[in-house]
């Protein structure tokens, strides 16, 4: 009888099973969109809100996401300990465009307010992006957080300010392999506001009309979201597969 591989008899399958169950307990925003979905293919976002099951799950991906949370918490402890963080995991709600989300960190440095979003990455992708601009998806996500915060009043134990004071956001990326750091800056502009609101308005129109838009996963960042590796609805050679969507709807009937 062939012996089972060593990694199948110890803690590794326990870790994977635990993280798989944890991933099923996703934040449920009900009738609201998740702000972190900003910029992604609208077909994919709508399918997720409809709770269409993914075609497959990869245990290693769940480990990557979970490890990323460790770096988030580490950076948040540091900014809080250094006395510059005024709000962390701040919940934001936009009832007009039906968006909810949480901000990683809001810091005040020399009376200058900056929204921070923390990202972790493998050193290969980290150093590849070193001299490149902020990714489209990151821009849309932090741009959405800025849009939501600028229409709010921020009340913290340290200060009470109008959200329009916020004019800058940054994505801080950390390499999980060697702990290198880099930052990308995003400044608030009328053009950014137009791009952000157009995305959410268009998404809401599709939702209200009960129509699925075309898949746009190939249109940004070299189209990596259209690949089987990154697209959770890749089926029969197509990303955000309509065949998969119809199959899962039929199973519900």
C-alpha atoms as a PDB file:
ATOM      1  CA  UNK A   1       0.000   0.000   0.000  1.00  0.00           C
ATOM      2  CA  UNK A   2       1.445   3.331  -1.057  1.00  0.00           C
ATOM      3  CA  UNK A   3       2.137   5.707   1.820  1.00  0.00           C
ATOM      4  CA  UNK A   4       0.359   9.063   1.842  1.00  0.00           C
ATOM      5  CA  UNK A   5       2.571  12.115   1.215  1.00  0.00           C
ATOM      6  CA  UNK A   6       3.897  13.574   4.453  1.00  0.00           C
ATOM      7  CA  UNK A   7       2.140  16.921   3.940  1.00  0.00           C
ATOM      8  CA  UNK A   8      -1.223  15.120   3.723  1.00  0.00           C
ATOM      9  CA  UNK A   9      -0.871  13.630   7.221  1.00  0.00           C
ATOM     10  CA  UNK A  10      -0.051  16.692   9.314  1.00  0.00           C
ATOM     11  CA  UNK A  11      -1.194  20.237   9.843  1.00  0.00           C
ATOM     12  CA  UNK A  12      -1.302  21.369   6.185  1.00  0.00           C
ATOM     13  CA  UNK A  13      -4.739  19.865   5.353  1.00  0.00           C
ATOM     14  CA  UNK A  14      -6.068  21.220   8.667  1.00  0.00           C
ATOM     15  CA  UNK A  15      -4.863  24.707   7.723  1.00  0.00           C
ATOM     16  CA  UNK A  16      -6.418  24.464   4.260  1.00  0.00           C
ATOM     17  CA  UNK A  17      -9.752  23.157   5.571  1.00  0.00           C
ATOM     18  CA  UNK A  18      -9.926  25.884   8.205  1.00  0.00           C
ATOM     19  CA  UNK A  19      -9.155  28.673   5.737  1.00  0.00           C
ATOM     20  CA  UNK A  20     -11.647  27.255   3.224  1.00  0.00           C
ATOM     21  CA  UNK A  21     -14.419  27.414   5.824  1.00  0.00           C
ATOM     22  CA  UNK A  22     -13.299  30.886   6.870  1.00  0.00           C
ATOM     23  CA  UNK A  23     -13.431  32.104   3.276  1.00  0.00           C
ATOM     24  CA  UNK A  24     -17.093  31.062   3.101  1.00  0.00           C
ATOM     25  CA  UNK A  25     -17.847  33.533   5.901  1.00  0.00           C
ATOM     26  CA  UNK A  26     -17.394  36.505   3.592  1.00  0.00           C
ATOM     27  CA  UNK A  27     -18.617  39.938   4.560  1.00  0.00           C
ATOM     28  CA  UNK A  28     -22.208  39.983   3.406  1.00  0.00           C
ATOM     29  CA  UNK A  29     -23.202  43.518   2.500  1.00  0.00           C
ATOM     30  CA  UNK A  30     -26.715  42.492   1.523  1.00  0.00           C
ATOM     31  CA  UNK A  31     -28.115  45.078  -0.884  1.00  0.00           C
ATOM     32  CA  UNK A  32     -24.794  46.943  -0.996  1.00  0.00           C
ATOM     33  CA  UNK A  33     -21.753  46.512  -3.204  1.00  0.00           C
ATOM     34  CA  UNK A  34     -18.352  45.918  -1.653  1.00  0.00           C
ATOM     35  CA  UNK A  35     -16.091  48.929  -2.220  1.00  0.00           C
ATOM     36  CA  UNK A  36     -13.153  46.562  -2.750  1.00  0.00           C
ATOM     37  CA  UNK A  37     -14.859  45.360  -5.960  1.00  0.00           C
ATOM     38  CA  UNK A  38     -14.300  48.742  -7.625  1.00  0.00           C
ATOM     39  CA  UNK A  39     -12.821  48.527 -11.101  1.00  0.00           C
ATOM     40  CA  UNK A  40     -13.279  44.801 -11.529  1.00  0.00           C
ATOM     41  CA  UNK A  41     -15.286  43.306 -14.384  1.00  0.00           C
ATOM     42  CA  UNK A  42     -18.930  44.177 -13.697  1.00  0.00           C
ATOM     43  CA  UNK A  43     -20.086  40.740 -14.846  1.00  0.00           C
ATOM     44  CA  UNK A  44     -17.819  39.143 -12.236  1.00  0.00           C
ATOM     45  CA  UNK A  45     -19.009  41.549  -9.512  1.00  0.00           C
ATOM     46  CA  UNK A  46     -22.681  40.884 -10.285  1.00  0.00           C
ATOM     47  CA  UNK A  47     -22.153  37.115 -10.350  1.00  0.00           C
ATOM     48  CA  UNK A  48     -20.514  37.309  -6.940  1.00  0.00           C
ATOM     49  CA  UNK A  49     -23.389  39.352  -5.515  1.00  0.00           C
ATOM     50  CA  UNK A  50     -25.781  36.733  -6.897  1.00  0.00           C
ATOM     51  CA  UNK A  51     -23.667  34.169  -4.988  1.00  0.00           C
ATOM     52  CA  UNK A  52     -22.843  32.141  -8.068  1.00  0.00           C
ATOM     53  CA  UNK A  53     -20.332  29.512  -6.851  1.00  0.00           C
ATOM     54  CA  UNK A  54     -16.767  29.722  -8.123  1.00  0.00           C
ATOM     55  CA  UNK A  55     -15.712  27.094 -10.645  1.00  0.00           C
ATOM     56  CA  UNK A  56     -12.874  26.048  -8.351  1.00  0.00           C
ATOM     57  CA  UNK A  57     -10.942  27.070  -5.253  1.00  0.00           C
ATOM     58  CA  UNK A  58      -7.191  26.788  -4.703  1.00  0.00           C
ATOM     59  CA  UNK A  59      -6.080  26.209  -1.082  1.00  0.00           C
ATOM     60  CA  UNK A  60      -2.801  28.047  -1.665  1.00  0.00           C
ATOM     61  CA  UNK A  61      -4.699  31.210  -2.647  1.00  0.00           C
ATOM     62  CA  UNK A  62      -6.505  31.176   0.694  1.00  0.00           C
ATOM     63  CA  UNK A  63      -3.132  30.900   2.448  1.00  0.00           C
ATOM     64  CA  UNK A  64      -1.891  33.909   0.487  1.00  0.00           C
ATOM     65  CA  UNK A  65      -4.918  36.004   1.478  1.00  0.00           C
ATOM     66  CA  UNK A  66      -4.653  34.965   5.111  1.00  0.00           C
ATOM     67  CA  UNK A  67      -0.942  35.800   5.251  1.00  0.00           C
ATOM     68  CA  UNK A  68      -1.759  39.201   3.754  1.00  0.00           C
ATOM     69  CA  UNK A  69      -4.007  39.917   6.731  1.00  0.00           C
ATOM     70  CA  UNK A  70      -1.007  39.417   9.012  1.00  0.00           C
ATOM     71  CA  UNK A  71       0.872  42.232   7.262  1.00  0.00           C
ATOM     72  CA  UNK A  72      -2.195  44.499   7.427  1.00  0.00           C
ATOM     73  CA  UNK A  73      -2.453  44.018  11.183  1.00  0.00           C
ATOM     74  CA  UNK A  74       1.287  44.494  11.645  1.00  0.00           C
ATOM     75  CA  UNK A  75       1.295  47.846   9.834  1.00  0.00           C
ATOM     76  CA  UNK A  76      -1.833  48.976  11.682  1.00  0.00           C
ATOM     77  CA  UNK A  77      -0.213  48.200  15.048  1.00  0.00           C
ATOM     78  CA  UNK A  78       2.815  50.250  14.062  1.00  0.00           C
ATOM     79  CA  UNK A  79       0.921  53.355  12.895  1.00  0.00           C
ATOM     80  CA  UNK A  80      -1.271  53.205  15.989  1.00  0.00           C
ATOM     81  CA  UNK A  81       1.724  52.776  18.269  1.00  0.00           C
ATOM     82  CA  UNK A  82       3.519  55.653  16.543  1.00  0.00           C
ATOM     83  CA  UNK A  83       0.518  57.880  17.237  1.00  0.00           C
ATOM     84  CA  UNK A  84      -0.247  58.814  13.617  1.00  0.00           C
ATOM     85  CA  UNK A  85      -3.285  56.601  12.989  1.00  0.00           C
ATOM     86  CA  UNK A  86      -6.626  58.248  13.740  1.00  0.00           C
ATOM     87  CA  UNK A  87      -8.923  55.518  12.381  1.00  0.00           C
ATOM     88  CA  UNK A  88      -8.514  51.899  11.268  1.00  0.00           C
ATOM     89  CA  UNK A  89     -11.031  49.546   9.630  1.00  0.00           C
ATOM     90  CA  UNK A  90     -13.360  52.540   9.429  1.00  0.00           C
ATOM     91  CA  UNK A  91     -16.694  51.441   7.948  1.00  0.00           C
ATOM     92  CA  UNK A  92     -17.963  53.556   5.059  1.00  0.00           C
ATOM     93  CA  UNK A  93     -21.484  53.535   3.644  1.00  0.00           C
ATOM     94  CA  UNK A  94     -22.873  55.277   0.568  1.00  0.00           C
ATOM     95  CA  UNK A  95     -26.646  54.918   0.458  1.00  0.00           C
ATOM     96  CA  UNK A  96     -26.944  56.711  -2.885  1.00  0.00           C
ATOM     97  CA  UNK A  97     -24.774  54.306  -4.862  1.00  0.00           C
ATOM     98  CA  UNK A  98     -25.239  51.425  -2.410  1.00  0.00           C
ATOM     99  CA  UNK A  99     -21.585  50.842  -1.509  1.00  0.00           C
ATOM    100  CA  UNK A 100     -20.020  49.619   1.727  1.00  0.00           C
ATOM    101  CA  UNK A 101     -16.390  49.192   2.636  1.00  0.00           C
ATOM    102  CA  UNK A 102     -13.684  49.477   5.257  1.00  0.00           C
ATOM    103  CA  UNK A 103     -10.611  51.708   5.176  1.00  0.00           C
ATOM    104  CA  UNK A 104      -7.333  50.100   6.277  1.00  0.00           C
ATOM    105  CA  UNK A 105      -5.863  53.208   7.865  1.00  0.00           C
ATOM    106  CA  UNK A 106      -6.383  56.954   8.088  1.00  0.00           C
ATOM    107  CA  UNK A 107      -3.264  58.763   9.259  1.00  0.00           C
ATOM    108  CA  UNK A 108      -2.477  62.337  10.208  1.00  0.00           C
ATOM    109  CA  UNK A 109       1.131  63.380   9.567  1.00  0.00           C
ATOM    110  CA  UNK A 110       2.069  67.015  10.211  1.00  0.00           C
ATOM    111  CA  UNK A 111      -1.628  67.971  10.016  1.00  0.00           C
ATOM    112  CA  UNK A 112      -1.886  66.271   6.606  1.00  0.00           C
ATOM    113  CA  UNK A 113      -4.577  63.610   6.251  1.00  0.00           C
ATOM    114  CA  UNK A 114      -3.746  60.516   4.166  1.00  0.00           C
ATOM    115  CA  UNK A 115      -5.816  57.426   3.487  1.00  0.00           C
ATOM    116  CA  UNK A 116      -3.671  54.272   3.401  1.00  0.00           C
ATOM    117  CA  UNK A 117      -4.507  50.943   1.815  1.00  0.00           C
ATOM    118  CA  UNK A 118      -2.089  48.138   2.622  1.00  0.00           C
ATOM    119  CA  UNK A 119      -1.213  45.451   0.084  1.00  0.00           C
ATOM    120  CA  UNK A 120       1.207  42.538   0.302  1.00  0.00           C
ATOM    121  CA  UNK A 121       2.878  40.890  -2.666  1.00  0.00           C
ATOM    122  CA  UNK A 122       5.400  38.232  -3.617  1.00  0.00           C
ATOM    123  CA  UNK A 123       8.821  39.745  -4.237  1.00  0.00           C
ATOM    124  CA  UNK A 124       8.690  38.900  -7.972  1.00  0.00           C
ATOM    125  CA  UNK A 125       5.529  40.930  -8.590  1.00  0.00           C
ATOM    126  CA  UNK A 126       6.635  43.551  -6.055  1.00  0.00           C
ATOM    127  CA  UNK A 127       9.893  44.416  -7.801  1.00  0.00           C
ATOM    128  CA  UNK A 128       8.260  44.120 -11.229  1.00  0.00           C
ATOM    129  CA  UNK A 129       5.836  46.890 -10.245  1.00  0.00           C
ATOM    130  CA  UNK A 130       8.482  49.056  -8.598  1.00  0.00           C
ATOM    131  CA  UNK A 131       8.740  51.607 -11.406  1.00  0.00           C
ATOM    132  CA  UNK A 132       5.188  51.246 -12.689  1.00  0.00           C
ATOM    133  CA  UNK A 133       2.205  53.451 -11.794  1.00  0.00           C
ATOM    134  CA  UNK A 134      -0.493  52.366  -9.382  1.00  0.00           C
ATOM    135  CA  UNK A 135      -2.519  49.511 -10.837  1.00  0.00           C
ATOM    136  CA  UNK A 136      -5.933  50.260 -12.292  1.00  0.00           C
ATOM    137  CA  UNK A 137      -7.682  48.061  -9.726  1.00  0.00           C
ATOM    138  CA  UNK A 138      -5.903  49.682  -6.788  1.00  0.00           C
ATOM    139  CA  UNK A 139      -6.703  53.136  -8.162  1.00  0.00           C
ATOM    140  CA  UNK A 140     -10.395  52.334  -8.427  1.00  0.00           C
ATOM    141  CA  UNK A 141     -10.512  50.807  -4.934  1.00  0.00           C
ATOM    142  CA  UNK A 142      -8.763  53.610  -3.051  1.00  0.00           C
ATOM    143  CA  UNK A 143     -10.493  56.160  -5.279  1.00  0.00           C
ATOM    144  CA  UNK A 144     -13.819  54.731  -4.111  1.00  0.00           C
ATOM    145  CA  UNK A 145     -12.715  54.955  -0.476  1.00  0.00           C
ATOM    146  CA  UNK A 146     -11.712  58.590  -1.041  1.00  0.00           C
ATOM    147  CA  UNK A 147     -15.035  59.362  -2.720  1.00  0.00           C
ATOM    148  CA  UNK A 148     -16.966  57.855   0.195  1.00  0.00           C
ATOM    149  CA  UNK A 149     -14.858  59.558   2.850  1.00  0.00           C
ATOM    150  CA  UNK A 150     -15.043  62.966   1.201  1.00  0.00           C
ATOM    151  CA  UNK A 151     -18.834  62.926   1.553  1.00  0.00           C
ATOM    152  CA  UNK A 152     -18.624  62.032   5.250  1.00  0.00           C
ATOM    153  CA  UNK A 153     -17.767  63.691   8.532  1.00  0.00           C
ATOM    154  CA  UNK A 154     -14.880  61.921  10.232  1.00  0.00           C
ATOM    155  CA  UNK A 155     -15.363  61.839  14.000  1.00  0.00           C
ATOM    156  CA  UNK A 156     -12.494  60.248  15.902  1.00  0.00           C
ATOM    157  CA  UNK A 157     -11.249  60.636  19.471  1.00  0.00           C
ATOM    158  CA  UNK A 158      -8.567  62.959  18.110  1.00  0.00           C
ATOM    159  CA  UNK A 159     -10.464  65.223  15.746  1.00  0.00           C
ATOM    160  CA  UNK A 160     -13.694  66.071  13.965  1.00  0.00           C
ATOM    161  CA  UNK A 161     -13.172  66.987  10.321  1.00  0.00           C
ATOM    162  CA  UNK A 162     -15.094  67.187   7.104  1.00  0.00           C
ATOM    163  CA  UNK A 163     -14.217  64.479   4.617  1.00  0.00           C
ATOM    164  CA  UNK A 164     -13.383  67.010   1.922  1.00  0.00           C
ATOM    165  CA  UNK A 165     -10.154  67.616   3.834  1.00  0.00           C
ATOM    166  CA  UNK A 166      -9.004  64.286   2.414  1.00  0.00           C
ATOM    167  CA  UNK A 167      -7.183  64.897  -0.863  1.00  0.00           C
ATOM    168  CA  UNK A 168      -4.602  62.134  -0.894  1.00  0.00           C
ATOM    169  CA  UNK A 169      -4.549  58.345  -0.708  1.00  0.00           C
ATOM    170  CA  UNK A 170      -1.639  55.954  -0.904  1.00  0.00           C
ATOM    171  CA  UNK A 171      -1.220  52.261  -1.519  1.00  0.00           C
ATOM    172  CA  UNK A 172       1.620  50.867   0.573  1.00  0.00           C
ATOM    173  CA  UNK A 173       2.892  47.573  -0.795  1.00  0.00           C
ATOM    174  CA  UNK A 174       5.114  45.250   1.185  1.00  0.00           C
ATOM    175  CA  UNK A 175       7.064  42.324  -0.190  1.00  0.00           C
ATOM    176  CA  UNK A 176       6.309  39.217   1.842  1.00  0.00           C
ATOM    177  CA  UNK A 177       9.685  37.698   0.979  1.00  0.00           C
ATOM    178  CA  UNK A 178      12.118  40.465   1.929  1.00  0.00           C
ATOM    179  CA  UNK A 179       9.878  43.113   3.591  1.00  0.00           C
ATOM    180  CA  UNK A 180      10.736  45.812   1.057  1.00  0.00           C
ATOM    181  CA  UNK A 181       8.153  48.616   0.930  1.00  0.00           C
ATOM    182  CA  UNK A 182       6.964  51.062  -1.700  1.00  0.00           C
ATOM    183  CA  UNK A 183       4.133  53.552  -1.991  1.00  0.00           C
ATOM    184  CA  UNK A 184       1.917  54.756  -4.816  1.00  0.00           C
ATOM    185  CA  UNK A 185       0.108  58.070  -4.471  1.00  0.00           C
ATOM    186  CA  UNK A 186      -3.382  58.961  -5.664  1.00  0.00           C
ATOM    187  CA  UNK A 187      -4.576  62.578  -5.553  1.00  0.00           C
ATOM    188  CA  UNK A 188      -8.233  63.569  -5.658  1.00  0.00           C
ATOM    189  CA  UNK A 189      -9.267  65.266  -8.910  1.00  0.00           C
ATOM    190  CA  UNK A 190     -12.565  65.959 -10.710  1.00  0.00           C
ATOM    191  CA  UNK A 191     -11.512  63.423 -13.353  1.00  0.00           C
ATOM    192  CA  UNK A 192     -11.023  60.724 -10.714  1.00  0.00           C
ATOM    193  CA  UNK A 193     -14.407  61.509  -9.181  1.00  0.00           C
ATOM    194  CA  UNK A 194     -16.038  61.185 -12.607  1.00  0.00           C
ATOM    195  CA  UNK A 195     -14.365  57.829 -13.268  1.00  0.00           C
ATOM    196  CA  UNK A 196     -15.356  56.441  -9.868  1.00  0.00           C
ATOM    197  CA  UNK A 197     -18.992  57.547  -9.961  1.00  0.00           C
ATOM    198  CA  UNK A 198     -19.408  56.407 -13.590  1.00  0.00           C
ATOM    199  CA  UNK A 199     -18.285  52.894 -12.653  1.00  0.00           C
ATOM    200  CA  UNK A 200     -20.761  52.547  -9.781  1.00  0.00           C
ATOM    201  CA  UNK A 201     -23.617  54.206 -11.658  1.00  0.00           C
ATOM    202  CA  UNK A 202     -23.124  51.851 -14.602  1.00  0.00           C
ATOM    203  CA  UNK A 203     -22.960  48.820 -12.302  1.00  0.00           C
ATOM    204  CA  UNK A 204     -26.215  49.861 -10.611  1.00  0.00           C
ATOM    205  CA  UNK A 205     -27.942  50.289 -13.971  1.00  0.00           C
ATOM    206  CA  UNK A 206     -27.017  46.745 -14.971  1.00  0.00           C
ATOM    207  CA  UNK A 207     -28.204  45.423 -11.623  1.00  0.00           C
ATOM    208  CA  UNK A 208     -31.565  47.197 -11.822  1.00  0.00           C
ATOM    209  CA  UNK A 209     -32.125  46.039 -15.401  1.00  0.00           C
ATOM    210  CA  UNK A 210     -31.229  42.447 -14.408  1.00  0.00           C
ATOM    211  CA  UNK A 211     -28.757  42.196 -17.251  1.00  0.00           C
ATOM    212  CA  UNK A 212     -25.217  40.872 -17.302  1.00  0.00           C
ATOM    213  CA  UNK A 213     -22.671  43.163 -18.964  1.00  0.00           C
ATOM    214  CA  UNK A 214     -19.886  41.882 -21.167  1.00  0.00           C
ATOM    215  CA  UNK A 215     -16.774  40.508 -19.508  1.00  0.00           C
ATOM    216  CA  UNK A 216     -14.042  43.168 -19.330  1.00  0.00           C
ATOM    217  CA  UNK A 217     -11.378  41.118 -17.546  1.00  0.00           C
ATOM    218  CA  UNK A 218      -9.037  41.410 -20.535  1.00  0.00           C
ATOM    219  CA  UNK A 219      -9.114  45.206 -20.611  1.00  0.00           C
ATOM    220  CA  UNK A 220      -6.827  46.066 -17.679  1.00  0.00           C
ATOM    221  CA  UNK A 221      -3.390  45.154 -16.340  1.00  0.00           C
ATOM    222  CA  UNK A 222      -2.502  42.974 -19.299  1.00  0.00           C
ATOM    223  CA  UNK A 223      -5.710  40.992 -18.963  1.00  0.00           C
ATOM    224  CA  UNK A 224      -4.456  38.732 -16.173  1.00  0.00           C
ATOM    225  CA  UNK A 225      -7.957  38.580 -14.644  1.00  0.00           C
ATOM    226  CA  UNK A 226      -9.171  36.731 -17.748  1.00  0.00           C
ATOM    227  CA  UNK A 227      -6.898  33.742 -17.091  1.00  0.00           C
ATOM    228  CA  UNK A 228      -7.920  30.483 -15.453  1.00  0.00           C
ATOM    229  CA  UNK A 229      -5.472  31.187 -12.632  1.00  0.00           C
ATOM    230  CA  UNK A 230      -7.129  34.441 -11.543  1.00  0.00           C
ATOM    231  CA  UNK A 231     -10.695  34.323 -12.834  1.00  0.00           C
ATOM    232  CA  UNK A 232     -13.027  32.539 -10.376  1.00  0.00           C
ATOM    233  CA  UNK A 233     -15.613  31.956 -13.103  1.00  0.00           C
ATOM    234  CA  UNK A 234     -13.312  30.518 -15.777  1.00  0.00           C
ATOM    235  CA  UNK A 235     -15.159  27.683 -17.476  1.00  0.00           C
ATOM    236  CA  UNK A 236     -14.809  25.922 -20.816  1.00  0.00           C
ATOM    237  CA  UNK A 237     -11.985  28.248 -21.844  1.00  0.00           C
ATOM    238  CA  UNK A 238     -13.812  31.512 -21.056  1.00  0.00           C
ATOM    239  CA  UNK A 239     -13.573  33.980 -18.154  1.00  0.00           C
ATOM    240  CA  UNK A 240     -16.792  35.001 -16.362  1.00  0.00           C
ATOM    241  CA  UNK A 241     -18.476  32.202 -18.269  1.00  0.00           C
ATOM    242  CA  UNK A 242     -22.123  32.659 -19.196  1.00  0.00           C
ATOM    243  CA  UNK A 243     -22.369  28.872 -19.556  1.00  0.00           C
ATOM    244  CA  UNK A 244     -21.304  28.450 -15.931  1.00  0.00           C
ATOM    245  CA  UNK A 245     -23.712  31.195 -14.841  1.00  0.00           C
ATOM    246  CA  UNK A 246     -26.664  29.518 -16.557  1.00  0.00           C
ATOM    247  CA  UNK A 247     -25.682  26.095 -15.250  1.00  0.00           C
ATOM    248  CA  UNK A 248     -25.656  27.309 -11.642  1.00  0.00           C
ATOM    249  CA  UNK A 249     -28.981  29.133 -12.067  1.00  0.00           C
ATOM    250  CA  UNK A 250     -30.563  25.957 -13.456  1.00  0.00           C
ATOM    251  CA  UNK A 251     -29.315  23.997 -10.424  1.00  0.00           C
ATOM    252  CA  UNK A 252     -31.148  26.426  -8.130  1.00  0.00           C
ATOM    253  CA  UNK A 253     -34.477  25.784  -9.811  1.00  0.00           C
END
